[in-house]
Amino acid sequence: MNIILWGLAGASALAYLPMTGRAPTLWRSGIKTIPLSLFALLAFLHGGSSWLIFGLVLSALGDLALSREGKRHFLIGLVSFALAHLCYVFLFWAKLDTLFWPGIVLLAGVALSTEFWLAPHTGALRAPVRVYVLLISVMTVLALSLPETWRLASLGAVLFLLSDLILAIQLFRMTPGTRAARRAGYLLWTLYICGQGAILLAFVPRVWGLS
């Protein structure tokens, strides 16, 4: 069963890659939603934490919303991913012994920097974007603080953060349809899938099995 689900998740992720810069369609939205939905199913089938499962499901909903056009869908996607990060905050917090203070300093700097290169370009979305930046920064700090057993999740969270930074640049600082915007779409999707997959594999090692 694992090999089938991993195969479908990988195939759908690869199938969506050339679609990242295309106009929204129901087919495109469906393809985009499959990988995280299957990650959530794998976590459920192998007894993953409820926080992990909810985080993956909310991420799939966020993928669906962001695959559509319009401010309303963007806000739904933003809220979905913000709640997913909150789920990961609770997931990581339960495993912590201490906080990684260099990570706090680094992520605080990254979050504060968005006030200069991102916030001025977000218009009416400035407040929800600020909340989102705070949540993903906290999530990443906690991930970097995880003990060695869950170090793969630390890597996954960093990849997730990088994908969101690229998405922010693509949405608010790039002209849609340009070559740079298309390349950004390829990169952020790759980082995002790898990041989410790493978090899943860190917390549910049994999904490594191909039986």
C-alpha atoms as a PDB file:
ATOM      1  CA  MET A   1       0.000   0.000   0.000  1.00  0.00           C
ATOM      2  CA  ASN A   2       2.804   2.415   0.888  1.00  0.00           C
ATOM      3  CA  ILE A   3       4.473   2.119  -2.491  1.00  0.00           C
ATOM      4  CA  ILE A   4       1.179   2.832  -4.259  1.00  0.00           C
ATOM      5  CA  LEU A   5       0.438   5.923  -2.169  1.00  0.00           C
ATOM      6  CA  TRP A   6       4.004   7.228  -2.447  1.00  0.00           C
ATOM      7  CA  GLY A   7       3.930   6.588  -6.186  1.00  0.00           C
ATOM      8  CA  LEU A   8       0.663   8.494  -6.621  1.00  0.00           C
ATOM      9  CA  ALA A   9       1.894  11.371  -4.450  1.00  0.00           C
ATOM     10  CA  GLY A  10       5.163  11.602  -6.368  1.00  0.00           C
ATOM     11  CA  ALA A  11       3.495  11.306  -9.759  1.00  0.00           C
ATOM     12  CA  SER A  12       0.927  14.013  -8.968  1.00  0.00           C
ATOM     13  CA  ALA A  13       3.626  16.314  -7.567  1.00  0.00           C
ATOM     14  CA  LEU A  14       5.668  15.911 -10.755  1.00  0.00           C
ATOM     15  CA  ALA A  15       2.562  16.319 -12.909  1.00  0.00           C
ATOM     16  CA  TYR A  16       1.767  19.632 -11.234  1.00  0.00           C
ATOM     17  CA  LEU A  17       5.289  21.030 -11.682  1.00  0.00           C
ATOM     18  CA  PRO A  18       4.791  22.253 -15.281  1.00  0.00           C
ATOM     19  CA  MET A  19       1.341  23.552 -14.303  1.00  0.00           C
ATOM     20  CA  THR A  20       2.595  25.975 -11.647  1.00  0.00           C
ATOM     21  CA  GLY A  21       2.438  28.984 -13.950  1.00  0.00           C
ATOM     22  CA  ARG A  22      -0.713  28.053 -15.860  1.00  0.00           C
ATOM     23  CA  ALA A  23      -4.190  29.554 -15.530  1.00  0.00           C
ATOM     24  CA  PRO A  24      -6.435  27.974 -12.877  1.00  0.00           C
ATOM     25  CA  THR A  25      -8.590  25.029 -13.950  1.00  0.00           C
ATOM     26  CA  LEU A  26     -10.398  22.346 -11.953  1.00  0.00           C
ATOM     27  CA  TRP A  27      -7.971  19.731 -13.346  1.00  0.00           C
ATOM     28  CA  ARG A  28      -4.953  21.774 -12.208  1.00  0.00           C
ATOM     29  CA  SER A  29      -6.484  22.302  -8.757  1.00  0.00           C
ATOM     30  CA  GLY A  30      -7.191  18.600  -8.380  1.00  0.00           C
ATOM     31  CA  ILE A  31      -3.646  17.597  -9.299  1.00  0.00           C
ATOM     32  CA  LYS A  32      -2.193  20.144  -6.872  1.00  0.00           C
ATOM     33  CA  THR A  33      -4.298  18.875  -3.975  1.00  0.00           C
ATOM     34  CA  ILE A  34      -3.397  15.180  -4.352  1.00  0.00           C
ATOM     35  CA  PRO A  35       0.144  15.039  -2.863  1.00  0.00           C
ATOM     36  CA  LEU A  36      -0.666  16.495   0.568  1.00  0.00           C
ATOM     37  CA  SER A  37      -3.955  14.611   0.710  1.00  0.00           C
ATOM     38  CA  LEU A  38      -2.013  11.369   0.255  1.00  0.00           C
ATOM     39  CA  PHE A  39       0.580  12.465   2.818  1.00  0.00           C
ATOM     40  CA  ALA A  40      -2.285  12.958   5.284  1.00  0.00           C
ATOM     41  CA  LEU A  41      -3.665   9.520   4.415  1.00  0.00           C
ATOM     42  CA  LEU A  42      -0.248   7.927   4.971  1.00  0.00           C
ATOM     43  CA  ALA A  43       0.051   9.634   8.352  1.00  0.00           C
ATOM     44  CA  PHE A  44      -3.428   8.426   9.318  1.00  0.00           C
ATOM     45  CA  LEU A  45      -2.846   4.837   8.190  1.00  0.00           C
ATOM     46  CA  HIS A  46       0.393   4.627  10.172  1.00  0.00           C
ATOM     47  CA  GLY A  47      -0.888   6.124  13.408  1.00  0.00           C
ATOM     48  CA  GLY A  48       0.574   9.598  13.056  1.00  0.00           C
ATOM     49  CA  SER A  49      -0.163  12.327  15.567  1.00  0.00           C
ATOM     50  CA  SER A  50      -3.473  14.127  15.153  1.00  0.00           C
ATOM     51  CA  TRP A  51      -1.539  17.408  14.917  1.00  0.00           C
ATOM     52  CA  LEU A  52       0.467  16.027  12.011  1.00  0.00           C
ATOM     53  CA  ILE A  53      -2.625  14.721  10.219  1.00  0.00           C
ATOM     54  CA  PHE A  54      -4.534  17.984  10.723  1.00  0.00           C
ATOM     55  CA  GLY A  55      -1.496  19.960   9.526  1.00  0.00           C
ATOM     56  CA  LEU A  56      -1.274  17.926   6.333  1.00  0.00           C
ATOM     57  CA  VAL A  57      -5.026  18.094   5.688  1.00  0.00           C
ATOM     58  CA  LEU A  58      -5.039  21.866   6.204  1.00  0.00           C
ATOM     59  CA  SER A  59      -2.070  22.137   3.855  1.00  0.00           C
ATOM     60  CA  ALA A  60      -4.007  20.220   1.195  1.00  0.00           C
ATOM     61  CA  LEU A  61      -6.912  22.632   1.656  1.00  0.00           C
ATOM     62  CA  GLY A  62      -4.479  25.516   1.367  1.00  0.00           C
ATOM     63  CA  ASP A  63      -3.116  24.068  -1.868  1.00  0.00           C
ATOM     64  CA  LEU A  64      -6.641  23.840  -3.252  1.00  0.00           C
ATOM     65  CA  ALA A  65      -7.507  27.408  -2.284  1.00  0.00           C
ATOM     66  CA  LEU A  66      -4.279  28.916  -3.626  1.00  0.00           C
ATOM     67  CA  SER A  67      -4.783  27.097  -6.920  1.00  0.00           C
ATOM     68  CA  ARG A  68      -7.826  29.279  -7.579  1.00  0.00           C
ATOM     69  CA  GLU A  69      -7.958  32.973  -8.466  1.00  0.00           C
ATOM     70  CA  GLY A  70      -9.113  35.906  -6.375  1.00  0.00           C
ATOM     71  CA  LYS A  71      -8.504  37.544  -3.019  1.00  0.00           C
ATOM     72  CA  ARG A  72     -11.093  35.347  -1.271  1.00  0.00           C
ATOM     73  CA  HIS A  73      -9.329  32.145  -2.271  1.00  0.00           C
ATOM     74  CA  PHE A  74      -5.976  33.633  -1.329  1.00  0.00           C
ATOM     75  CA  LEU A  75      -7.249  34.459   2.161  1.00  0.00           C
ATOM     76  CA  ILE A  76      -8.716  30.969   2.560  1.00  0.00           C
ATOM     77  CA  GLY A  77      -5.357  29.512   1.546  1.00  0.00           C
ATOM     78  CA  LEU A  78      -3.491  31.836   3.892  1.00  0.00           C
ATOM     79  CA  VAL A  79      -5.716  30.892   6.835  1.00  0.00           C
ATOM     80  CA  SER A  80      -5.454  27.179   5.996  1.00  0.00           C
ATOM     81  CA  PHE A  81      -1.674  27.269   5.958  1.00  0.00           C
ATOM     82  CA  ALA A  82      -1.554  29.451   9.074  1.00  0.00           C
ATOM     83  CA  LEU A  83      -3.612  26.815  10.903  1.00  0.00           C
ATOM     84  CA  ALA A  84      -1.350  24.099   9.475  1.00  0.00           C
ATOM     85  CA  HIS A  85       1.665  25.891  10.924  1.00  0.00           C
ATOM     86  CA  LEU A  86      -0.156  26.131  14.246  1.00  0.00           C
ATOM     87  CA  CYS A  87      -0.697  22.360  14.176  1.00  0.00           C
ATOM     88  CA  TYR A  88       3.016  21.881  13.555  1.00  0.00           C
ATOM     89  CA  VAL A  89       3.774  24.254  16.444  1.00  0.00           C
ATOM     90  CA  PHE A  90       1.857  21.942  18.807  1.00  0.00           C
ATOM     91  CA  LEU A  91       3.431  18.864  17.175  1.00  0.00           C
ATOM     92  CA  PHE A  92       6.977  20.156  17.628  1.00  0.00           C
ATOM     93  CA  TRP A  93       6.435  21.707  21.048  1.00  0.00           C
ATOM     94  CA  ALA A  94       5.557  18.304  22.528  1.00  0.00           C
ATOM     95  CA  LYS A  95       9.029  16.996  21.576  1.00  0.00           C
ATOM     96  CA  LEU A  96      11.175  19.895  22.817  1.00  0.00           C
ATOM     97  CA  ASP A  97      13.729  19.839  25.603  1.00  0.00           C
ATOM     98  CA  THR A  98      15.053  23.344  25.045  1.00  0.00           C
ATOM     99  CA  LEU A  99      14.908  26.149  22.503  1.00  0.00           C
ATOM    100  CA  PHE A 100      17.590  26.722  19.881  1.00  0.00           C
ATOM    101  CA  TRP A 101      18.419  30.359  20.586  1.00  0.00           C
ATOM    102  CA  PRO A 102      20.491  31.030  17.442  1.00  0.00           C
ATOM    103  CA  GLY A 103      17.410  29.937  15.504  1.00  0.00           C
ATOM    104  CA  ILE A 104      15.272  32.420  17.411  1.00  0.00           C
ATOM    105  CA  VAL A 105      17.666  35.247  16.562  1.00  0.00           C
ATOM    106  CA  LEU A 106      17.880  34.203  12.913  1.00  0.00           C
ATOM    107  CA  LEU A 107      14.129  33.788  12.418  1.00  0.00           C
ATOM    108  CA  ALA A 108      13.394  37.020  14.263  1.00  0.00           C
ATOM    109  CA  GLY A 109      15.680  38.775  11.799  1.00  0.00           C
ATOM    110  CA  VAL A 110      13.963  37.120   8.835  1.00  0.00           C
ATOM    111  CA  ALA A 111      10.508  38.038  10.168  1.00  0.00           C
ATOM    112  CA  LEU A 112      11.489  41.644  10.845  1.00  0.00           C
ATOM    113  CA  SER A 113      13.051  41.952   7.395  1.00  0.00           C
ATOM    114  CA  THR A 114       9.652  41.295   5.801  1.00  0.00           C
ATOM    115  CA  GLU A 115       8.526  44.679   7.115  1.00  0.00           C
ATOM    116  CA  PHE A 116      10.867  46.245   4.562  1.00  0.00           C
ATOM    117  CA  TRP A 117      10.763  44.015   1.466  1.00  0.00           C
ATOM    118  CA  LEU A 118       7.298  42.412   1.771  1.00  0.00           C
ATOM    119  CA  ALA A 119       4.772  44.269   3.964  1.00  0.00           C
ATOM    120  CA  PRO A 120       4.812  47.552   1.959  1.00  0.00           C
ATOM    121  CA  HIS A 121       3.727  45.584  -1.132  1.00  0.00           C
ATOM    122  CA  THR A 122       0.856  43.577   0.398  1.00  0.00           C
ATOM    123  CA  GLY A 123      -1.762  46.341   0.508  1.00  0.00           C
ATOM    124  CA  ALA A 124      -4.961  45.333   2.318  1.00  0.00           C
ATOM    125  CA  LEU A 125      -3.441  41.914   3.048  1.00  0.00           C
ATOM    126  CA  ARG A 126      -0.713  43.375   5.264  1.00  0.00           C
ATOM    127  CA  ALA A 127      -2.258  42.307   8.595  1.00  0.00           C
ATOM    128  CA  PRO A 128      -2.979  38.644   7.696  1.00  0.00           C
ATOM    129  CA  VAL A 129       0.439  38.343   6.010  1.00  0.00           C
ATOM    130  CA  ARG A 130       2.111  39.618   9.195  1.00  0.00           C
ATOM    131  CA  VAL A 131       0.275  37.016  11.285  1.00  0.00           C
ATOM    132  CA  TYR A 132       1.292  34.324   8.817  1.00  0.00           C
ATOM    133  CA  VAL A 133       4.949  35.384   8.926  1.00  0.00           C
ATOM    134  CA  LEU A 134       4.851  35.204  12.727  1.00  0.00           C
ATOM    135  CA  LEU A 135       3.351  31.706  12.734  1.00  0.00           C
ATOM    136  CA  ILE A 136       5.750  30.201  10.207  1.00  0.00           C
ATOM    137  CA  SER A 137       8.676  31.813  12.027  1.00  0.00           C
ATOM    138  CA  VAL A 138       7.593  30.289  15.350  1.00  0.00           C
ATOM    139  CA  MET A 139       7.034  26.923  13.673  1.00  0.00           C
ATOM    140  CA  THR A 140      10.512  26.985  12.151  1.00  0.00           C
ATOM    141  CA  VAL A 141      12.181  27.992  15.413  1.00  0.00           C
ATOM    142  CA  LEU A 142      10.533  25.068  17.195  1.00  0.00           C
ATOM    143  CA  ALA A 143      11.521  22.722  14.361  1.00  0.00           C
ATOM    144  CA  LEU A 144      15.153  23.834  14.627  1.00  0.00           C
ATOM    145  CA  SER A 145      14.961  23.151  18.363  1.00  0.00           C
ATOM    146  CA  LEU A 146      13.863  19.526  17.934  1.00  0.00           C
ATOM    147  CA  PRO A 147      16.105  16.769  19.330  1.00  0.00           C
ATOM    148  CA  GLU A 148      18.257  14.802  16.910  1.00  0.00           C
ATOM    149  CA  THR A 149      15.618  12.063  16.544  1.00  0.00           C
ATOM    150  CA  TRP A 150      13.395  14.471  14.630  1.00  0.00           C
ATOM    151  CA  ARG A 151      16.134  16.387  12.803  1.00  0.00           C
ATOM    152  CA  LEU A 152      14.567  15.474   9.453  1.00  0.00           C
ATOM    153  CA  ALA A 153      11.561  17.562  10.499  1.00  0.00           C
ATOM    154  CA  SER A 154      13.928  20.491  11.131  1.00  0.00           C
ATOM    155  CA  LEU A 155      15.088  20.241   7.527  1.00  0.00           C
ATOM    156  CA  GLY A 156      11.496  19.931   6.339  1.00  0.00           C
ATOM    157  CA  ALA A 157      10.436  23.060   8.187  1.00  0.00           C
ATOM    158  CA  VAL A 158      13.328  25.056   6.718  1.00  0.00           C
ATOM    159  CA  LEU A 159      12.388  23.896   3.208  1.00  0.00           C
ATOM    160  CA  PHE A 160       8.763  24.857   3.932  1.00  0.00           C
ATOM    161  CA  LEU A 161       9.891  28.303   5.095  1.00  0.00           C
ATOM    162  CA  LEU A 162      12.020  28.803   1.981  1.00  0.00           C
ATOM    163  CA  SER A 163       9.108  27.812  -0.256  1.00  0.00           C
ATOM    164  CA  ASP A 164       6.902  30.393   1.462  1.00  0.00           C
ATOM    165  CA  LEU A 165       9.543  33.095   1.119  1.00  0.00           C
ATOM    166  CA  ILE A 166       9.757  32.387  -2.606  1.00  0.00           C
ATOM    167  CA  LEU A 167       5.955  32.381  -2.854  1.00  0.00           C
ATOM    168  CA  ALA A 168       5.814  35.786  -1.155  1.00  0.00           C
ATOM    169  CA  ILE A 169       8.359  37.176  -3.616  1.00  0.00           C
ATOM    170  CA  GLN A 170       6.494  35.613  -6.554  1.00  0.00           C
ATOM    171  CA  LEU A 171       3.101  36.980  -5.474  1.00  0.00           C
ATOM    172  CA  PHE A 172       4.041  40.445  -4.306  1.00  0.00           C
ATOM    173  CA  ARG A 173       7.342  41.364  -5.977  1.00  0.00           C
ATOM    174  CA  MET A 174       7.290  39.660  -9.390  1.00  0.00           C
ATOM    175  CA  THR A 175       5.340  40.331 -12.570  1.00  0.00           C
ATOM    176  CA  PRO A 176       3.033  37.349 -13.254  1.00  0.00           C
ATOM    177  CA  GLY A 177       3.845  35.281 -16.324  1.00  0.00           C
ATOM    178  CA  THR A 178       7.506  36.258 -16.546  1.00  0.00           C
ATOM    179  CA  ARG A 179      10.258  33.671 -16.835  1.00  0.00           C
ATOM    180  CA  ALA A 180      11.464  34.535 -13.335  1.00  0.00           C
ATOM    181  CA  ALA A 181       7.973  34.023 -11.908  1.00  0.00           C
ATOM    182  CA  ARG A 182       7.654  30.643 -13.643  1.00  0.00           C
ATOM    183  CA  ARG A 183      11.024  29.481 -12.352  1.00  0.00           C
ATOM    184  CA  ALA A 184      10.083  30.638  -8.868  1.00  0.00           C
ATOM    185  CA  GLY A 185       6.942  28.506  -9.125  1.00  0.00           C
ATOM    186  CA  TYR A 186       8.957  25.400 -10.002  1.00  0.00           C
ATOM    187  CA  LEU A 187      11.383  25.972  -7.131  1.00  0.00           C
ATOM    188  CA  LEU A 188       8.822  26.755  -4.441  1.00  0.00           C
ATOM    189  CA  TRP A 189       6.690  23.714  -5.342  1.00  0.00           C
ATOM    190  CA  THR A 190       9.738  21.423  -5.173  1.00  0.00           C
ATOM    191  CA  LEU A 191      10.849  22.835  -1.813  1.00  0.00           C
ATOM    192  CA  TYR A 192       7.303  22.654  -0.455  1.00  0.00           C
ATOM    193  CA  ILE A 193       6.709  19.003  -1.375  1.00  0.00           C
ATOM    194  CA  CYS A 194      10.136  17.957  -0.100  1.00  0.00           C
ATOM    195  CA  GLY A 195       9.620  19.915   3.117  1.00  0.00           C
ATOM    196  CA  GLN A 196       6.213  18.446   3.873  1.00  0.00           C
ATOM    197  CA  GLY A 197       7.447  14.968   2.972  1.00  0.00           C
ATOM    198  CA  ALA A 198      10.395  15.344   5.339  1.00  0.00           C
ATOM    199  CA  ILE A 199       8.102  16.342   8.227  1.00  0.00           C
ATOM    200  CA  LEU A 200       5.887  13.337   7.538  1.00  0.00           C
ATOM    201  CA  LEU A 201       8.825  10.925   7.377  1.00  0.00           C
ATOM    202  CA  ALA A 202      10.354  12.330  10.566  1.00  0.00           C
ATOM    203  CA  PHE A 203       7.245  11.798  12.664  1.00  0.00           C
ATOM    204  CA  VAL A 204       5.916   8.612  11.074  1.00  0.00           C
ATOM    205  CA  PRO A 205       9.033   6.565  10.230  1.00  0.00           C
ATOM    206  CA  ARG A 206       6.889   3.542   9.320  1.00  0.00           C
ATOM    207  CA  VAL A 207       5.850   5.259   6.087  1.00  0.00           C
ATOM    208  CA  TRP A 208       9.406   4.647   4.880  1.00  0.00           C
ATOM    209  CA  GLY A 209       8.376   1.030   4.319  1.00  0.00           C
ATOM    210  CA  LEU A 210       7.283   0.090   0.814  1.00  0.00           C
ATOM    211  CA  SER A 211       5.061  -2.827   1.801  1.00  0.00           C
END
